């Protein structure tokens, strides 16, 4: 799964991630096997959505954005 495919997958579940964050996910989970299996994808979606939802609830400026980084991956 490449960055473009991963972006489409996250967008299909309602989340938009920056290119930098998507590249980090690909590097961490896809580099050795050149694919992202279903378990890893579900894990990534869970981590990303939980973190973004928490950031959105606690941020005073509005929704979280790419500047808060990928500490959750």
Protein backbone atom coordinates (compact mmCIF):
# COMPACT_ATOMS: atom_id res chain seq x y z
CA UNK A 1 0.00 0.00 0.00
CA UNK A 2 1.50 3.31 -1.02
CA UNK A 3 0.79 6.80 0.31
CA UNK A 4 -1.91 7.46 -2.29
CA UNK A 5 -3.76 4.24 -1.45
CA UNK A 6 -3.42 4.84 2.27
CA UNK A 7 -4.75 8.40 1.90
CA UNK A 8 -7.80 7.05 0.04
CA UNK A 9 -8.37 4.43 2.73
CA UNK A 10 -8.27 6.99 5.54
CA UNK A 11 -10.48 9.39 3.60
CA UNK A 12 -13.01 6.59 3.09
CA UNK A 13 -13.43 6.41 6.88
CA UNK A 14 -13.61 10.20 7.21
CA UNK A 15 -10.05 11.19 8.14
CA UNK A 16 -7.64 13.35 6.21
CA UNK A 17 -3.95 13.04 7.00
CA UNK A 18 -1.04 15.02 5.66
CA UNK A 19 1.50 13.49 3.31
CA UNK A 20 4.19 13.52 6.02
CA UNK A 21 2.00 11.50 8.39
CA UNK A 22 1.01 9.04 5.69
CA UNK A 23 4.65 8.51 4.72
CA UNK A 24 5.46 7.72 8.35
CA UNK A 25 2.72 5.09 8.47
CA UNK A 26 3.90 3.53 5.20
CA UNK A 27 7.51 3.52 6.40
CA UNK A 28 6.63 1.94 9.74
CA UNK A 29 4.09 -0.65 8.64
CA UNK A 30 4.69 -1.30 4.93
CA UNK A 31 8.44 -1.03 4.38
CA UNK A 32 9.44 -4.63 5.07
CA UNK A 33 6.47 -6.41 3.51
CA UNK A 34 5.55 -3.80 0.89
CA UNK A 35 1.91 -4.10 1.97
CA UNK A 36 -0.29 -3.26 4.92
CA UNK A 37 -2.30 -6.19 6.18
CA UNK A 38 -5.78 -5.78 7.57
CA UNK A 39 -4.71 -6.05 11.22
CA UNK A 40 -2.11 -3.30 10.81
CA UNK A 41 -4.59 -1.10 8.94
CA UNK A 42 -7.23 -1.49 11.66
CA UNK A 43 -4.57 -0.72 14.28
CA UNK A 44 -3.48 2.42 12.39
CA UNK A 45 -7.04 3.64 11.89
CA UNK A 46 -7.82 3.09 15.56
CA UNK A 47 -4.71 4.97 16.71
CA UNK A 48 -5.21 7.84 14.28
CA UNK A 49 -8.92 8.29 14.91
CA UNK A 50 -8.57 8.08 18.69
CA UNK A 51 -5.72 10.57 18.73
CA UNK A 52 -7.38 13.01 16.35
CA UNK A 53 -10.67 12.84 18.23
CA UNK A 54 -8.89 13.51 21.51
CA UNK A 55 -6.95 16.40 20.00
CA UNK A 56 -10.12 17.91 18.58
CA UNK A 57 -11.87 17.73 21.95
CA UNK A 58 -9.00 19.33 23.84
CA UNK A 59 -7.87 21.93 21.32
CA UNK A 60 -9.07 25.47 21.81
CA UNK A 61 -8.24 26.45 18.23
CA UNK A 62 -10.52 23.97 16.48
CA UNK A 63 -9.67 20.70 14.76
CA UNK A 64 -6.25 19.11 15.01
CA UNK A 65 -3.99 19.52 12.03
CA UNK A 66 -0.79 18.11 10.61
CA UNK A 67 1.35 20.27 12.96
CA UNK A 68 0.72 18.09 16.02
CA UNK A 69 2.72 15.24 14.54
CA UNK A 70 2.41 11.48 14.53
CA UNK A 71 3.22 10.52 18.09
CA UNK A 72 0.44 7.95 17.86
CA UNK A 73 1.97 5.83 15.09
